[in-house]
Amino acid sequence: MSDDNQIEVPPSFLAIYADARQRLSEPISVVRERYELCEDLAQLLIDQAQRLHHVAVPSEDEILHRCRDGLLTTESVVSAAEATWIVRRLAELLDWRCPDFPDA
């Protein structure tokens, strides 16, 4: 069976699902689906983060922490590692410095 999907999963996301020997813990199709979800979430958070930055919360660091906290709720559809990746990707998309997350 060939893999005709053109989406390339970045190494930073693959690392979430790779062990010390760089073997994936899930099939690549699952990893690709998770990546698409997380990338979409990062893209969706851009407007909200920009609005917060200009209206309510002046600190980029605080906004990114709040976004991650929101992604870590019990109702979340993403894991903690994925939530951290989403926020790092959001910071990259916004050209903001990403804070360190101690448990990441």
PDB file of N, CA and C in Angstrom:
ATOM      1  N   MET A   1       0.852  -1.167   0.000  1.00  0.00           N
ATOM      2  CA  MET A   1       0.000   0.000   0.000  1.00  0.00           C
ATOM      3  C   MET A   1       0.901   1.234   0.000  1.00  0.00           C
ATOM      4  N   SER A   2       0.695   2.119  -0.954  1.00  0.00           N
ATOM      5  CA  SER A   2       1.522   3.317  -1.020  1.00  0.00           C
ATOM      6  C   SER A   2       0.896   4.429  -0.199  1.00  0.00           C
ATOM      7  N   ASP A   3       1.763   5.324   0.227  1.00  0.00           N
ATOM      8  CA  ASP A   3       1.311   6.474   1.010  1.00  0.00           C
ATOM      9  C   ASP A   3       1.329   7.686   0.086  1.00  0.00           C
ATOM     10  N   ASP A   4       0.161   8.039  -0.457  1.00  0.00           N
ATOM     11  CA  ASP A   4       0.063   9.121  -1.427  1.00  0.00           C
ATOM     12  C   ASP A   4      -0.158  10.478  -0.774  1.00  0.00           C
ATOM     13  N   ASN A   5      -0.184  10.531   0.541  1.00  0.00           N
ATOM     14  CA  ASN A   5      -0.429  11.789   1.223  1.00  0.00           C
ATOM     15  C   ASN A   5       0.775  12.704   1.053  1.00  0.00           C
ATOM     16  N   GLN A   6       0.532  13.941   0.639  1.00  0.00           N
ATOM     17  CA  GLN A   6       1.592  14.901   0.377  1.00  0.00           C
ATOM     18  C   GLN A   6       2.005  15.707   1.604  1.00  0.00           C
ATOM     19  N   ILE A   7       1.291  15.585   2.697  1.00  0.00           N
ATOM     20  CA  ILE A   7       1.594  16.368   3.885  1.00  0.00           C
ATOM     21  C   ILE A   7       2.852  15.831   4.554  1.00  0.00           C
ATOM     22  N   GLU A   8       3.807  16.747   4.744  1.00  0.00           N
ATOM     23  CA  GLU A   8       5.040  16.384   5.440  1.00  0.00           C
ATOM     24  C   GLU A   8       4.926  16.830   6.886  1.00  0.00           C
ATOM     25  N   VAL A   9       5.085  15.911   7.768  1.00  0.00           N
ATOM     26  CA  VAL A   9       5.030  16.210   9.196  1.00  0.00           C
ATOM     27  C   VAL A   9       6.413  16.696   9.620  1.00  0.00           C
ATOM     28  N   PRO A  10       6.490  17.876  10.246  1.00  0.00           N
ATOM     29  CA  PRO A  10       7.803  18.402  10.636  1.00  0.00           C
ATOM     30  C   PRO A  10       8.447  17.561  11.740  1.00  0.00           C
ATOM     31  N   PRO A  11       9.767  17.557  11.769  1.00  0.00           N
ATOM     32  CA  PRO A  11      10.471  16.788  12.800  1.00  0.00           C
ATOM     33  C   PRO A  11      10.064  17.163  14.224  1.00  0.00           C
ATOM     34  N   SER A  12       9.753  18.434  14.449  1.00  0.00           N
ATOM     35  CA  SER A  12       9.357  18.859  15.798  1.00  0.00           C
ATOM     36  C   SER A  12       8.086  18.157  16.250  1.00  0.00           C
ATOM     37  N   PHE A  13       7.193  17.847  15.314  1.00  0.00           N
ATOM     38  CA  PHE A  13       5.969  17.134  15.674  1.00  0.00           C
ATOM     39  C   PHE A  13       6.236  15.631  15.739  1.00  0.00           C
ATOM     40  N   LEU A  14       7.022  15.106  14.826  1.00  0.00           N
ATOM     41  CA  LEU A  14       7.354  13.679  14.859  1.00  0.00           C
ATOM     42  C   LEU A  14       7.985  13.299  16.194  1.00  0.00           C
ATOM     43  N   ALA A  15       8.746  14.228  16.776  1.00  0.00           N
ATOM     44  CA  ALA A  15       9.428  13.953  18.051  1.00  0.00           C
ATOM     45  C   ALA A  15       8.447  13.614  19.164  1.00  0.00           C
ATOM     46  N   ILE A  16       7.228  14.109  19.067  1.00  0.00           N
ATOM     47  CA  ILE A  16       6.209  13.801  20.085  1.00  0.00           C
ATOM     48  C   ILE A  16       5.915  12.302  20.102  1.00  0.00           C
ATOM     49  N   TYR A  17       5.969  11.693  18.950  1.00  0.00           N
ATOM     50  CA  TYR A  17       5.591  10.284  18.812  1.00  0.00           C
ATOM     51  C   TYR A  17       6.785   9.351  18.607  1.00  0.00           C
ATOM     52  N   ALA A  18       7.998   9.872  18.734  1.00  0.00           N
ATOM     53  CA  ALA A  18       9.186   9.049  18.500  1.00  0.00           C
ATOM     54  C   ALA A  18       9.828   8.641  19.825  1.00  0.00           C
ATOM     55  N   ASP A  19      10.363   7.432  19.832  1.00  0.00           N
ATOM     56  CA  ASP A  19      11.092   6.991  21.018  1.00  0.00           C
ATOM     57  C   ASP A  19      12.566   7.383  20.861  1.00  0.00           C
ATOM     58  N   ALA A  20      13.384   6.930  21.785  1.00  0.00           N
ATOM     59  CA  ALA A  20      14.810   7.294  21.767  1.00  0.00           C
ATOM     60  C   ALA A  20      15.516   6.827  20.497  1.00  0.00           C
ATOM     61  N   ARG A  21      14.996   5.792  19.873  1.00  0.00           N
ATOM     62  CA  ARG A  21      15.604   5.280  18.637  1.00  0.00           C
ATOM     63  C   ARG A  21      14.904   5.819  17.392  1.00  0.00           C
ATOM     64  N   GLN A  22      14.071   6.849  17.584  1.00  0.00           N
ATOM     65  CA  GLN A  22      13.363   7.530  16.502  1.00  0.00           C
ATOM     66  C   GLN A  22      12.301   6.666  15.822  1.00  0.00           C
ATOM     67  N   ARG A  23      11.814   5.635  16.521  1.00  0.00           N
ATOM     68  CA  ARG A  23      10.709   4.830  16.008  1.00  0.00           C
ATOM     69  C   ARG A  23       9.404   5.449  16.475  1.00  0.00           C
ATOM     70  N   LEU A  24       8.435   5.508  15.589  1.00  0.00           N
ATOM     71  CA  LEU A  24       7.143   6.084  15.931  1.00  0.00           C
ATOM     72  C   LEU A  24       6.334   5.118  16.786  1.00  0.00           C
ATOM     73  N   SER A  25       5.632   5.671  17.762  1.00  0.00           N
ATOM     74  CA  SER A  25       4.789   4.864  18.643  1.00  0.00           C
ATOM     75  C   SER A  25       3.400   4.654  18.044  1.00  0.00           C
ATOM     76  N   GLU A  26       3.089   5.378  16.982  1.00  0.00           N
ATOM     77  CA  GLU A  26       1.811   5.277  16.284  1.00  0.00           C
ATOM     78  C   GLU A  26       2.093   5.171  14.782  1.00  0.00           C
ATOM     79  N   PRO A  27       1.166   4.608  14.024  1.00  0.00           N
ATOM     80  CA  PRO A  27       1.339   4.577  12.569  1.00  0.00           C
ATOM     81  C   PRO A  27       1.440   6.002  12.014  1.00  0.00           C
ATOM     82  N   ILE A  28       2.183   6.170  10.939  1.00  0.00           N
ATOM     83  CA  ILE A  28       2.379   7.494  10.355  1.00  0.00           C
ATOM     84  C   ILE A  28       1.051   8.137   9.973  1.00  0.00           C
ATOM     85  N   SER A  29       0.067   7.363   9.597  1.00  0.00           N
ATOM     86  CA  SER A  29      -1.233   7.935   9.246  1.00  0.00           C
ATOM     87  C   SER A  29      -1.879   8.611  10.459  1.00  0.00           C
ATOM     88  N   VAL A  30      -1.731   8.009  11.627  1.00  0.00           N
ATOM     89  CA  VAL A  30      -2.271   8.595  12.855  1.00  0.00           C
ATOM     90  C   VAL A  30      -1.488   9.862  13.213  1.00  0.00           C
ATOM     91  N   VAL A  31      -0.172   9.792  13.114  1.00  0.00           N
ATOM     92  CA  VAL A  31       0.672  10.949  13.413  1.00  0.00           C
ATOM     93  C   VAL A  31       0.329  12.099  12.464  1.00  0.00           C
ATOM     94  N   ARG A  32       0.128  11.780  11.220  1.00  0.00           N
ATOM     95  CA  ARG A  32      -0.220  12.813  10.230  1.00  0.00           C
ATOM     96  C   ARG A  32      -1.568  13.456  10.568  1.00  0.00           C
ATOM     97  N   GLU A  33      -2.551  12.647  10.954  1.00  0.00           N
ATOM     98  CA  GLU A  33      -3.856  13.191  11.350  1.00  0.00           C
ATOM     99  C   GLU A  33      -3.735  14.092  12.569  1.00  0.00           C
ATOM    100  N   ARG A  34      -2.949  13.666  13.555  1.00  0.00           N
ATOM    101  CA  ARG A  34      -2.739  14.470  14.762  1.00  0.00           C
ATOM    102  C   ARG A  34      -2.026  15.780  14.405  1.00  0.00           C
ATOM    103  N   TYR A  35      -1.051  15.696  13.509  1.00  0.00           N
ATOM    104  CA  TYR A  35      -0.338  16.898  13.076  1.00  0.00           C
ATOM    105  C   TYR A  35      -1.295  17.888  12.415  1.00  0.00           C
ATOM    106  N   GLU A  36      -2.141  17.388  11.524  1.00  0.00           N
ATOM    107  CA  GLU A  36      -3.098  18.267  10.836  1.00  0.00           C
ATOM    108  C   GLU A  36      -4.017  18.957  11.844  1.00  0.00           C
ATOM    109  N   LEU A  37      -4.501  18.217  12.831  1.00  0.00           N
ATOM    110  CA  LEU A  37      -5.341  18.790  13.866  1.00  0.00           C
ATOM    111  C   LEU A  37      -4.592  19.881  14.632  1.00  0.00           C
ATOM    112  N   CYS A  38      -3.386  19.584  15.051  1.00  0.00           N
ATOM    113  CA  CYS A  38      -2.604  20.535  15.843  1.00  0.00           C
ATOM    114  C   CYS A  38      -2.219  21.772  15.030  1.00  0.00           C
ATOM    115  N   GLU A  39      -1.857  21.585  13.787  1.00  0.00           N
ATOM    116  CA  GLU A  39      -1.540  22.731  12.922  1.00  0.00           C
ATOM    117  C   GLU A  39      -2.781  23.599  12.736  1.00  0.00           C
ATOM    118  N   ASP A  40      -3.933  22.975  12.520  1.00  0.00           N
ATOM    119  CA  ASP A  40      -5.183  23.733  12.375  1.00  0.00           C
ATOM    120  C   ASP A  40      -5.494  24.526  13.643  1.00  0.00           C
ATOM    121  N   LEU A  41      -5.295  23.913  14.806  1.00  0.00           N
ATOM    122  CA  LEU A  41      -5.541  24.610  16.066  1.00  0.00           C
ATOM    123  C   LEU A  41      -4.604  25.809  16.225  1.00  0.00           C
ATOM    124  N   ALA A  42      -3.342  25.638  15.874  1.00  0.00           N
ATOM    125  CA  ALA A  42      -2.389  26.757  15.955  1.00  0.00           C
ATOM    126  C   ALA A  42      -2.832  27.898  15.044  1.00  0.00           C
ATOM    127  N   GLN A  43      -3.257  27.551  13.842  1.00  0.00           N
ATOM    128  CA  GLN A  43      -3.720  28.576  12.899  1.00  0.00           C
ATOM    129  C   GLN A  43      -4.972  29.287  13.430  1.00  0.00           C
ATOM    130  N   LEU A  44      -5.876  28.526  14.035  1.00  0.00           N
ATOM    131  CA  LEU A  44      -7.108  29.110  14.567  1.00  0.00           C
ATOM    132  C   LEU A  44      -6.855  30.038  15.756  1.00  0.00           C
ATOM    133  N   LEU A  45      -5.797  29.787  16.487  1.00  0.00           N
ATOM    134  CA  LEU A  45      -5.499  30.594  17.664  1.00  0.00           C
ATOM    135  C   LEU A  45      -4.841  31.932  17.330  1.00  0.00           C
ATOM    136  N   ILE A  46      -4.400  32.119  16.105  1.00  0.00           N
ATOM    137  CA  ILE A  46      -3.710  33.360  15.732  1.00  0.00           C
ATOM    138  C   ILE A  46      -4.576  34.582  16.013  1.00  0.00           C
ATOM    139  N   ASP A  47      -5.790  34.600  15.492  1.00  0.00           N
ATOM    140  CA  ASP A  47      -6.657  35.765  15.673  1.00  0.00           C
ATOM    141  C   ASP A  47      -6.959  36.033  17.140  1.00  0.00           C
ATOM    142  N   GLN A  48      -7.240  34.977  17.887  1.00  0.00           N
ATOM    143  CA  GLN A  48      -7.551  35.141  19.301  1.00  0.00           C
ATOM    144  C   GLN A  48      -6.344  35.713  20.042  1.00  0.00           C
ATOM    145  N   ALA A  49      -5.166  35.203  19.772  1.00  0.00           N
ATOM    146  CA  ALA A  49      -3.960  35.688  20.446  1.00  0.00           C
ATOM    147  C   ALA A  49      -3.684  37.147  20.090  1.00  0.00           C
ATOM    148  N   GLN A  50      -3.864  37.501  18.839  1.00  0.00           N
ATOM    149  CA  GLN A  50      -3.646  38.890  18.424  1.00  0.00           C
ATOM    150  C   GLN A  50      -4.655  39.834  19.082  1.00  0.00           C
ATOM    151  N   ARG A  51      -5.903  39.389  19.161  1.00  0.00           N
ATOM    152  CA  ARG A  51      -6.932  40.200  19.821  1.00  0.00           C
ATOM    153  C   ARG A  51      -6.583  40.427  21.288  1.00  0.00           C
ATOM    154  N   LEU A  52      -6.201  39.367  21.971  1.00  0.00           N
ATOM    155  CA  LEU A  52      -5.815  39.491  23.375  1.00  0.00           C
ATOM    156  C   LEU A  52      -4.635  40.444  23.532  1.00  0.00           C
ATOM    157  N   HIS A  53      -3.695  40.351  22.627  1.00  0.00           N
ATOM    158  CA  HIS A  53      -2.494  41.179  22.704  1.00  0.00           C
ATOM    159  C   HIS A  53      -2.821  42.662  22.547  1.00  0.00           C
ATOM    160  N   HIS A  54      -3.784  42.973  21.715  1.00  0.00           N
ATOM    161  CA  HIS A  54      -4.105  44.372  21.446  1.00  0.00           C
ATOM    162  C   HIS A  54      -5.188  44.936  22.366  1.00  0.00           C
ATOM    163  N   VAL A  55      -5.928  44.076  23.043  1.00  0.00           N
ATOM    164  CA  VAL A  55      -7.065  44.559  23.835  1.00  0.00           C
ATOM    165  C   VAL A  55      -6.882  44.306  25.334  1.00  0.00           C
ATOM    166  N   ALA A  56      -6.609  43.090  25.700  1.00  0.00           N
ATOM    167  CA  ALA A  56      -6.710  42.738  27.110  1.00  0.00           C
ATOM    168  C   ALA A  56      -5.386  42.384  27.792  1.00  0.00           C
ATOM    169  N   VAL A  57      -4.535  41.652  27.110  1.00  0.00           N
ATOM    170  CA  VAL A  57      -3.331  41.117  27.744  1.00  0.00           C
ATOM    171  C   VAL A  57      -2.108  41.572  26.948  1.00  0.00           C
ATOM    172  N   PRO A  58      -1.348  42.493  27.471  1.00  0.00           N
ATOM    173  CA  PRO A  58      -0.220  43.012  26.694  1.00  0.00           C
ATOM    174  C   PRO A  58       0.975  42.060  26.589  1.00  0.00           C
ATOM    175  N   SER A  59       1.079  41.098  27.453  1.00  0.00           N
ATOM    176  CA  SER A  59       2.243  40.219  27.471  1.00  0.00           C
ATOM    177  C   SER A  59       2.061  39.013  26.546  1.00  0.00           C
ATOM    178  N   GLU A  60       2.945  38.890  25.575  1.00  0.00           N
ATOM    179  CA  GLU A  60       2.907  37.736  24.675  1.00  0.00           C
ATOM    180  C   GLU A  60       3.102  36.445  25.460  1.00  0.00           C
ATOM    181  N   ASP A  61       4.007  36.471  26.418  1.00  0.00           N
ATOM    182  CA  ASP A  61       4.279  35.316  27.264  1.00  0.00           C
ATOM    183  C   ASP A  61       3.012  34.843  27.977  1.00  0.00           C
ATOM    184  N   GLU A  62       2.284  35.789  28.556  1.00  0.00           N
ATOM    185  CA  GLU A  62       1.048  35.457  29.277  1.00  0.00           C
ATOM    186  C   GLU A  62      -0.005  34.878  28.332  1.00  0.00           C
ATOM    187  N   ILE A  63      -0.111  35.439  27.153  1.00  0.00           N
ATOM    188  CA  ILE A  63      -1.083  34.940  26.168  1.00  0.00           C
ATOM    189  C   ILE A  63      -0.764  33.506  25.796  1.00  0.00           C
ATOM    190  N   LEU A  64       0.495  33.226  25.532  1.00  0.00           N
ATOM    191  CA  LEU A  64       0.893  31.863  25.145  1.00  0.00           C
ATOM    192  C   LEU A  64       0.673  30.886  26.290  1.00  0.00           C
ATOM    193  N   HIS A  65       0.951  31.307  27.521  1.00  0.00           N
ATOM    194  CA  HIS A  65       0.676  30.437  28.667  1.00  0.00           C
ATOM    195  C   HIS A  65      -0.822  30.170  28.805  1.00  0.00           C
ATOM    196  N   ARG A  66      -1.635  31.192  28.604  1.00  0.00           N
ATOM    197  CA  ARG A  66      -3.087  31.010  28.696  1.00  0.00           C
ATOM    198  C   ARG A  66      -3.588  30.063  27.604  1.00  0.00           C
ATOM    199  N   CYS A  67      -3.048  30.203  26.413  1.00  0.00           N
ATOM    200  CA  CYS A  67      -3.453  29.303  25.319  1.00  0.00           C
ATOM    201  C   CYS A  67      -3.113  27.862  25.672  1.00  0.00           C
ATOM    202  N   ARG A  68      -1.915  27.647  26.193  1.00  0.00           N
ATOM    203  CA  ARG A  68      -1.511  26.286  26.562  1.00  0.00           C
ATOM    204  C   ARG A  68      -2.387  25.755  27.691  1.00  0.00           C
ATOM    205  N   ASP A  69      -2.656  26.593  28.683  1.00  0.00           N
ATOM    206  CA  ASP A  69      -3.529  26.169  29.784  1.00  0.00           C
ATOM    207  C   ASP A  69      -4.901  25.769  29.256  1.00  0.00           C
ATOM    208  N   GLY A  70      -5.417  26.522  28.304  1.00  0.00           N
ATOM    209  CA  GLY A  70      -6.713  26.197  27.707  1.00  0.00           C
ATOM    210  C   GLY A  70      -6.687  24.877  26.959  1.00  0.00           C
ATOM    211  N   LEU A  71      -5.562  24.586  26.339  1.00  0.00           N
ATOM    212  CA  LEU A  71      -5.433  23.325  25.608  1.00  0.00           C
ATOM    213  C   LEU A  71      -5.235  22.124  26.534  1.00  0.00           C
ATOM    214  N   LEU A  72      -4.882  22.386  27.783  1.00  0.00           N
ATOM    215  CA  LEU A  72      -4.608  21.300  28.733  1.00  0.00           C
ATOM    216  C   LEU A  72      -5.807  20.918  29.596  1.00  0.00           C
ATOM    217  N   THR A  73      -6.980  21.445  29.297  1.00  0.00           N
ATOM    218  CA  THR A  73      -8.158  21.096  30.086  1.00  0.00           C
ATOM    219  C   THR A  73      -8.508  19.624  29.901  1.00  0.00           C
ATOM    220  N   THR A  74      -9.295  19.098  30.805  1.00  0.00           N
ATOM    221  CA  THR A  74      -9.669  17.682  30.719  1.00  0.00           C
ATOM    222  C   THR A  74     -10.519  17.382  29.490  1.00  0.00           C
ATOM    223  N   GLU A  75     -11.192  18.388  28.956  1.00  0.00           N
ATOM    224  CA  GLU A  75     -12.021  18.195  27.760  1.00  0.00           C
ATOM    225  C   GLU A  75     -11.212  18.281  26.466  1.00  0.00           C
ATOM    226  N   SER A  76      -9.952  18.553  26.579  1.00  0.00           N
ATOM    227  CA  SER A  76      -9.112  18.793  25.407  1.00  0.00           C
ATOM    228  C   SER A  76      -8.996  17.541  24.531  1.00  0.00           C
ATOM    229  N   VAL A  77      -8.858  17.779  23.256  1.00  0.00           N
ATOM    230  CA  VAL A  77      -8.680  16.679  22.301  1.00  0.00           C
ATOM    231  C   VAL A  77      -7.205  16.464  21.984  1.00  0.00           C
ATOM    232  N   VAL A  78      -6.324  17.208  22.653  1.00  0.00           N
ATOM    233  CA  VAL A  78      -4.890  17.063  22.405  1.00  0.00           C
ATOM    234  C   VAL A  78      -4.172  16.670  23.689  1.00  0.00           C
ATOM    235  N   SER A  79      -3.047  16.019  23.524  1.00  0.00           N
ATOM    236  CA  SER A  79      -2.222  15.631  24.672  1.00  0.00           C
ATOM    237  C   SER A  79      -1.427  16.848  25.161  1.00  0.00           C
ATOM    238  N   ALA A  80      -0.790  16.704  26.306  1.00  0.00           N
ATOM    239  CA  ALA A  80       0.037  17.788  26.843  1.00  0.00           C
ATOM    240  C   ALA A  80       1.184  18.119  25.897  1.00  0.00           C
ATOM    241  N   ALA A  81       1.811  17.102  25.335  1.00  0.00           N
ATOM    242  CA  ALA A  81       2.916  17.334  24.392  1.00  0.00           C
ATOM    243  C   ALA A  81       2.411  18.044  23.139  1.00  0.00           C
ATOM    244  N   GLU A  82       1.245  17.653  22.670  1.00  0.00           N
ATOM    245  CA  GLU A  82       0.668  18.316  21.501  1.00  0.00           C
ATOM    246  C   GLU A  82       0.297  19.764  21.825  1.00  0.00           C
ATOM    247  N   ALA A  83      -0.234  20.005  23.026  1.00  0.00           N
ATOM    248  CA  ALA A  83      -0.593  21.368  23.432  1.00  0.00           C
ATOM    249  C   ALA A  83       0.636  22.267  23.433  1.00  0.00           C
ATOM    250  N   THR A  84       1.731  21.760  23.939  1.00  0.00           N
ATOM    251  CA  THR A  84       2.971  22.535  23.939  1.00  0.00           C
ATOM    252  C   THR A  84       3.431  22.797  22.514  1.00  0.00           C
ATOM    253  N   TRP A  85       3.346  21.790  21.648  1.00  0.00           N
ATOM    254  CA  TRP A  85       3.736  21.980  20.249  1.00  0.00           C
ATOM    255  C   TRP A  85       2.851  23.041  19.588  1.00  0.00           C
ATOM    256  N   ILE A  86       1.565  23.002  19.844  1.00  0.00           N
ATOM    257  CA  ILE A  86       0.627  23.968  19.254  1.00  0.00           C
ATOM    258  C   ILE A  86       1.020  25.391  19.654  1.00  0.00           C
ATOM    259  N   VAL A  87       1.317  25.591  20.925  1.00  0.00           N
ATOM    260  CA  VAL A  87       1.672  26.928  21.401  1.00  0.00           C
ATOM    261  C   VAL A  87       3.019  27.365  20.833  1.00  0.00           C
ATOM    262  N   ARG A  88       3.947  26.448  20.722  1.00  0.00           N
ATOM    263  CA  ARG A  88       5.235  26.798  20.094  1.00  0.00           C
ATOM    264  C   ARG A  88       5.025  27.178  18.633  1.00  0.00           C
ATOM    265  N   ARG A  89       4.168  26.449  17.966  1.00  0.00           N
ATOM    266  CA  ARG A  89       3.858  26.769  16.566  1.00  0.00           C
ATOM    267  C   ARG A  89       3.138  28.113  16.476  1.00  0.00           C
ATOM    268  N   LEU A  90       2.234  28.373  17.397  1.00  0.00           N
ATOM    269  CA  LEU A  90       1.540  29.653  17.432  1.00  0.00           C
ATOM    270  C   LEU A  90       2.546  30.792  17.599  1.00  0.00           C
ATOM    271  N   ALA A  91       3.478  30.643  18.519  1.00  0.00           N
ATOM    272  CA  ALA A  91       4.507  31.671  18.723  1.00  0.00           C
ATOM    273  C   ALA A  91       5.303  31.887  17.437  1.00  0.00           C
ATOM    274  N   GLU A  92       5.619  30.803  16.762  1.00  0.00           N
ATOM    275  CA  GLU A  92       6.351  30.903  15.495  1.00  0.00           C
ATOM    276  C   GLU A  92       5.523  31.661  14.454  1.00  0.00           C
ATOM    277  N   LEU A  93       4.254  31.338  14.341  1.00  0.00           N
ATOM    278  CA  LEU A  93       3.380  31.998  13.366  1.00  0.00           C
ATOM    279  C   LEU A  93       3.215  33.488  13.658  1.00  0.00           C
ATOM    280  N   LEU A  94       3.226  33.842  14.940  1.00  0.00           N
ATOM    281  CA  LEU A  94       3.066  35.233  15.343  1.00  0.00           C
ATOM    282  C   LEU A  94       4.402  35.983  15.416  1.00  0.00           C
ATOM    283  N   ASP A  95       5.483  35.245  15.256  1.00  0.00           N
ATOM    284  CA  ASP A  95       6.829  35.799  15.388  1.00  0.00           C
ATOM    285  C   ASP A  95       7.045  36.345  16.798  1.00  0.00           C
ATOM    286  N   TRP A  96       6.580  35.567  17.789  1.00  0.00           N
ATOM    287  CA  TRP A  96       6.759  35.891  19.199  1.00  0.00           C
ATOM    288  C   TRP A  96       7.778  34.915  19.784  1.00  0.00           C
ATOM    289  N   ARG A  97       8.461  35.352  20.832  1.00  0.00           N
ATOM    290  CA  ARG A  97       9.360  34.461  21.551  1.00  0.00           C
ATOM    291  C   ARG A  97       8.503  33.491  22.349  1.00  0.00           C
ATOM    292  N   CYS A  98       8.807  32.224  22.245  1.00  0.00           N
ATOM    293  CA  CYS A  98       8.021  31.227  22.973  1.00  0.00           C
ATOM    294  C   CYS A  98       8.629  31.021  24.351  1.00  0.00           C
ATOM    295  N   PRO A  99       7.794  31.082  25.391  1.00  0.00           N
ATOM    296  CA  PRO A  99       8.327  30.859  26.739  1.00  0.00           C
ATOM    297  C   PRO A  99       8.713  29.400  26.933  1.00  0.00           C
ATOM    298  N   ASP A 100       9.532  29.170  27.937  1.00  0.00           N
ATOM    299  CA  ASP A 100       9.872  27.801  28.307  1.00  0.00           C
ATOM    300  C   ASP A 100       8.715  27.240  29.124  1.00  0.00           C
ATOM    301  N   PHE A 101       8.400  25.999  28.844  1.00  0.00           N
ATOM    302  CA  PHE A 101       7.373  25.313  29.624  1.00  0.00           C
ATOM    303  C   PHE A 101       8.094  24.233  30.413  1.00  0.00           C
ATOM    304  N   PRO A 102       8.137  24.363  31.747  1.00  0.00           N
ATOM    305  CA  PRO A 102       8.955  23.480  32.571  1.00  0.00           C
ATOM    306  C   PRO A 102       8.663  22.001  32.403  1.00  0.00           C
ATOM    307  N   ASP A 103       7.412  21.632  32.151  1.00  0.00           N
ATOM    308  CA  ASP A 103       7.069  20.215  32.061  1.00  0.00           C
ATOM    309  C   ASP A 103       7.051  19.718  30.626  1.00  0.00           C
ATOM    310  N   ALA A 104       7.544  20.512  29.695  1.00  0.00           N
ATOM    311  CA  ALA A 104       7.519  20.114  28.275  1.00  0.00           C
ATOM    312  C   ALA A 104       8.760  19.326  27.916  1.00  0.00           C
TER     313      ALA A 104
END
